[in-house]
Protein backbone atom coordinates (compact mmCIF):
# COMPACT_ATOMS: atom_id res chain seq x y z
CA UNK A 1 -5.82 2.65 -6.86
CA UNK A 2 -2.92 0.64 -5.24
CA UNK A 3 -2.80 -2.94 -6.66
CA UNK A 4 -0.94 -5.87 -4.77
CA UNK A 5 0.93 -8.23 -7.13
CA UNK A 6 0.25 -11.86 -7.77
CA UNK A 7 2.28 -14.11 -5.69
CA UNK A 8 4.20 -17.36 -5.93
CA UNK A 9 2.15 -20.05 -4.28
CA UNK A 10 5.37 -22.17 -3.50
CA UNK A 11 7.22 -19.09 -1.75
CA UNK A 12 6.62 -18.99 2.18
CA UNK A 13 5.03 -15.62 2.98
CA UNK A 14 7.25 -15.01 5.90
CA UNK A 15 10.45 -14.59 3.99
CA UNK A 16 11.55 -11.03 4.08
CA UNK A 17 12.21 -9.06 0.91
CA UNK A 18 11.76 -12.20 -1.54
CA UNK A 19 11.87 -11.11 -5.08
CA UNK A 20 11.25 -13.98 -7.23
CA UNK A 21 9.57 -13.91 -10.65
CA UNK A 22 6.02 -14.97 -10.78
CA UNK A 23 5.46 -18.73 -11.10
CA UNK A 24 3.05 -20.08 -14.00
CA UNK A 25 0.08 -20.07 -11.58
CA UNK A 26 0.75 -16.55 -10.20
CA UNK A 27 1.18 -15.06 -14.17
CA UNK A 28 -1.97 -16.71 -15.25
CA UNK A 29 -3.82 -15.43 -12.22
CA UNK A 30 -2.72 -11.80 -13.00
CA UNK A 31 -3.40 -12.23 -16.74
CA UNK A 32 -6.95 -13.26 -15.87
CA UNK A 33 -7.48 -10.37 -13.43
CA UNK A 34 -6.10 -8.05 -16.10
CA UNK A 35 -8.65 -9.39 -18.81
CA UNK A 36 -11.59 -9.11 -16.33
CA UNK A 37 -10.64 -5.66 -14.93
CA UNK A 38 -9.60 -4.13 -18.23
CA UNK A 39 -12.62 -1.81 -18.76
CA UNK A 40 -11.94 0.09 -15.53
CA UNK A 41 -8.28 -0.93 -14.52
CA UNK A 42 -6.70 0.73 -17.76
CA UNK A 43 -8.81 4.11 -17.55
CA UNK A 44 -6.30 4.95 -14.79
CA UNK A 45 -3.57 6.80 -16.03
CA UNK A 46 -0.56 6.98 -15.37
CA UNK A 47 0.37 3.75 -14.18
CA UNK A 48 3.31 2.71 -11.83
CA UNK A 49 4.85 -0.44 -10.55
CA UNK A 50 7.28 -1.06 -7.65
CA UNK A 51 10.75 -2.01 -8.75
CA UNK A 52 10.50 -5.76 -7.71
CA UNK A 53 10.36 -8.44 -10.14
CA UNK A 54 6.79 -9.58 -9.29
CA UNK A 55 5.35 -6.04 -9.44
CA UNK A 56 6.70 -5.43 -12.81
CA UNK A 57 5.59 -8.74 -14.09
CA UNK A 58 2.32 -8.14 -12.25
CA UNK A 59 1.75 -4.90 -14.30
CA UNK A 60 2.57 -6.44 -17.43
CA UNK A 61 0.07 -9.11 -17.03
CA UNK A 62 -2.48 -6.67 -16.13
CA UNK A 63 -1.47 -4.82 -19.42
CA UNK A 64 -0.35 -1.85 -17.54
CA UNK A 65 2.43 0.51 -19.22
CA UNK A 66 3.64 1.02 -15.67
CA UNK A 67 6.67 3.56 -14.96
CA UNK A 68 8.97 2.29 -12.23
CA UNK A 69 8.43 4.04 -8.81
CA UNK A 70 11.01 3.26 -6.22
CA UNK A 71 8.90 4.86 -3.58
CA UNK A 72 6.42 1.91 -3.62
CA UNK A 73 9.21 -0.68 -3.10
CA UNK A 74 9.05 -3.19 -0.45
CA UNK A 75 10.09 -2.49 3.06
CA UNK A 76 13.89 -2.40 3.48
CA UNK A 77 14.65 -4.88 6.17
CA UNK A 78 18.49 -4.66 5.73
CA UNK A 79 20.18 -7.91 6.89
CA UNK A 80 16.90 -9.65 7.60
CA UNK A 81 16.21 -9.96 3.71
CA UNK A 82 15.71 -13.56 2.71
CA UNK A 83 15.27 -14.62 5.91
CA UNK A 84 12.02 -16.08 7.97
CA UNK A 85 10.32 -14.66 10.84
CA UNK A 86 10.15 -17.72 12.99
CA UNK A 87 13.98 -18.29 12.53
CA UNK A 88 14.72 -14.46 13.59
CA UNK A 89 12.33 -14.80 16.72
CA UNK A 90 14.26 -17.83 18.00
CA UNK A 91 17.74 -16.11 17.14
CA UNK A 92 17.17 -12.45 17.56
CA UNK A 93 13.94 -12.20 19.89
CA UNK A 94 14.89 -8.91 21.33
CA UNK A 95 15.29 -7.25 18.24
CA UNK A 96 12.12 -8.77 16.70
CA UNK A 97 10.27 -7.44 19.69
CA UNK A 98 11.64 -4.13 19.41
CA UNK A 99 10.72 -3.94 15.59
CA UNK A 100 7.26 -5.18 16.20
CA UNK A 101 6.69 -2.74 18.96
CA UNK A 102 8.59 0.44 18.33
CA UNK A 103 7.83 2.21 14.96
CA UNK A 104 11.30 3.98 15.04
CA UNK A 105 13.24 0.74 15.63
CA UNK A 106 15.39 -0.59 12.92
CA UNK A 107 17.48 -3.47 14.32
CA UNK A 108 18.06 -4.85 10.93
CA UNK A 109 19.84 -1.94 9.71
CA UNK A 110 17.22 -1.22 7.12
CA UNK A 111 14.09 1.18 7.32
CA UNK A 112 12.04 1.67 10.40
CA UNK A 113 8.18 1.43 10.00
CA UNK A 114 8.32 5.20 10.51
CA UNK A 115 10.80 5.64 7.62
CA UNK A 116 8.59 3.17 5.23
CA UNK A 117 5.41 5.25 6.41
CA UNK A 118 7.22 8.51 5.45
CA UNK A 119 8.58 7.33 2.22
CA UNK A 120 5.18 6.13 0.84
CA UNK A 121 3.52 9.04 2.39
CA UNK A 122 5.52 11.38 0.39
CA UNK A 123 4.70 9.84 -2.80
CA UNK A 124 1.01 9.57 -2.17
CA UNK A 125 0.74 13.36 -1.14
CA UNK A 126 2.61 14.63 -4.07
CA UNK A 127 -0.10 12.95 -6.22
CA UNK A 128 -2.62 15.61 -5.29
CA UNK A 129 -0.81 18.60 -3.92
CA UNK A 130 -0.15 19.89 -0.32
CA UNK A 131 -2.08 18.53 2.69
CA UNK A 132 -5.34 20.28 3.74
CA UNK A 133 -5.21 21.59 7.34
CA UNK A 134 -7.63 19.30 9.35
CA UNK A 135 -10.56 20.30 11.04
CA UNK A 136 -10.05 20.37 14.91
CA UNK A 137 -13.76 19.19 15.16
CA UNK A 138 -12.79 15.96 13.50
CA UNK A 139 -9.74 15.28 15.74
CA UNK A 140 -9.09 14.68 19.30
CA UNK A 141 -5.95 15.47 21.39
CA UNK A 142 -4.63 11.91 21.33
CA UNK A 143 -1.50 11.26 19.32
CA UNK A 144 0.48 8.41 18.29
CA UNK A 145 3.90 8.85 20.41
CA UNK A 146 5.65 7.93 17.00
CA UNK A 147 3.13 9.47 14.32
CA UNK A 148 0.05 12.01 13.76
CA UNK A 149 -3.15 12.47 15.73
CA UNK A 150 -5.78 9.94 15.58
CA UNK A 151 -8.87 10.78 13.68
CA UNK A 152 -11.91 9.83 15.62
CA UNK A 153 -14.73 11.95 14.06
CA UNK A 154 -16.93 11.04 10.97
CA UNK A 155 -14.72 10.23 8.02
CA UNK A 156 -13.88 13.11 5.91
CA UNK A 157 -15.54 12.99 2.73
CA UNK A 158 -13.45 12.58 -0.56
CA UNK A 159 -12.45 15.82 -2.37
CA UNK A 160 -13.46 16.03 -5.96
CA UNK A 161 -10.48 17.88 -7.18
CA UNK A 162 -6.73 18.82 -6.27
CA UNK A 163 -5.79 21.60 -3.76
CA UNK A 164 -5.52 23.94 -6.78
CA UNK A 165 -9.05 23.48 -8.07
CA UNK A 166 -7.94 21.31 -11.31
CA UNK A 167 -9.32 17.76 -11.61
CA UNK A 168 -7.86 15.12 -9.45
CA UNK A 169 -5.27 12.77 -11.21
CA UNK A 170 -6.48 8.90 -11.39
CA UNK A 171 -3.50 6.94 -10.69
CA UNK A 172 -2.98 2.96 -10.63
CA UNK A 173 0.20 1.55 -9.04
CA UNK A 174 1.22 -2.23 -8.51
CA UNK A 175 2.95 -1.89 -5.05
CA UNK A 176 4.34 -4.02 -2.72
CA UNK A 177 1.94 -5.12 0.08
CA UNK A 178 3.98 -3.34 3.03
CA UNK A 179 3.83 -0.15 0.70
CA UNK A 180 0.04 -0.41 0.55
CA UNK A 181 -0.56 -0.90 4.30
CA UNK A 182 1.81 2.15 4.89
CA UNK A 183 -0.23 4.11 2.40
CA UNK A 184 -3.50 3.44 4.29
CA UNK A 185 -1.71 4.18 7.71
CA UNK A 186 -0.43 7.51 6.37
CA UNK A 187 -3.72 8.51 4.48
CA UNK A 188 -6.06 7.88 7.43
CA UNK A 189 -3.68 9.41 10.07
CA UNK A 190 -3.74 6.15 11.86
CA UNK A 191 -1.17 5.37 14.59
CA UNK A 192 1.76 3.38 13.44
CA UNK A 193 0.66 0.31 15.26
CA UNK A 194 -2.23 0.01 12.99
CA UNK A 195 -0.09 -1.36 10.18
CA UNK A 196 0.25 -4.58 11.90
CA UNK A 197 -3.45 -4.81 11.76
CA UNK A 198 -3.93 -4.47 8.04
CA UNK A 199 -3.98 -7.33 5.47
CA UNK A 200 -4.14 -6.68 1.71
CA UNK A 201 -4.43 -10.02 -0.31
CA UNK A 202 -2.83 -10.63 -3.51
CA UNK A 203 -4.39 -9.12 -6.55
CA UNK A 204 -6.68 -6.69 -4.84
CA UNK A 205 -6.99 -3.02 -5.15
CA UNK A 206 -6.87 -0.50 -2.39
CA UNK A 207 -8.75 2.72 -3.59
CA UNK A 208 -7.49 5.88 -1.86
CA UNK A 209 -9.94 9.01 -3.01
CA UNK A 210 -9.59 12.56 -2.15
CA UNK A 211 -6.44 14.55 -1.41
CA UNK A 212 -3.48 14.79 0.79
CA UNK A 213 -4.73 15.16 4.28
CA UNK A 214 -8.37 14.25 3.45
CA UNK A 215 -8.56 10.62 2.06
CA UNK A 216 -11.50 8.29 1.77
CA UNK A 217 -10.61 4.36 1.64
CA UNK A 218 -12.09 1.34 0.13
CA UNK A 219 -9.53 -1.71 0.59
CA UNK A 220 -9.56 -5.15 -0.53
CA UNK A 221 -11.33 -4.81 -3.90
CA UNK A 222 -10.75 -7.93 -5.93
CA UNK A 223 -9.88 -7.26 -9.52
CA UNK A 224 -12.12 -10.01 -10.69
CA UNK A 225 -15.43 -8.14 -9.70
CA UNK A 226 -17.48 -7.54 -12.73
CA UNK A 227 -18.36 -3.98 -12.82
CA UNK A 228 -18.14 -0.60 -10.96
CA UNK A 229 -21.66 -1.16 -9.74
CA UNK A 230 -20.65 -4.51 -8.36
CA UNK A 231 -17.75 -2.99 -6.63
CA UNK A 232 -19.84 -0.26 -5.13
CA UNK A 233 -22.35 -2.81 -3.73
CA UNK A 234 -19.69 -4.91 -2.39
CA UNK A 235 -21.16 -8.16 -3.95
């Protein structure tokens, strides 16, 4: 379970790499979510948190004894950190266009989208063991020029155990939204451009179940839902 942190309502969301402490409203929201979801959220162990202040504070407010995990950090946008997209589009239009269209581009001097995807993917796959070779019947010859093949067949079923036959690990991690989006793209073998089409609201859970190479997804689960039955029903 990947959980996105609470946000400071006064902070513009377009500021790259902002790492401010939660304001009072954000902390209260995280504490309410933690109290509401305690019965199932804290059954996941171990717990991790990205190194940002807001992720660590959110983990604390949720009641998680989270270990720091650098691989779940926000996208490193180099010299663009602290700047606003609209400003960059006006002053560095070509660089921004390259960043938005080429997953290997890093005009800011930080990580490319491919590097972000790879970093998070390594962490995700390490939770469950080596990848399972894909079934050719579930895939086409179409490929992302900068990424893996695109699955178009029926969804793979979740695997009940890790690759070595032992029970799968149950983990909860408070991760930056960019890391959660990268995890979904990696887990589902989506083309890298799909990253830009994903949205993960604050204080929601993204559930990836299965094992490396065969993941199933449930995204955007509010932490305020009352029970597993309600979450499963989508109500």
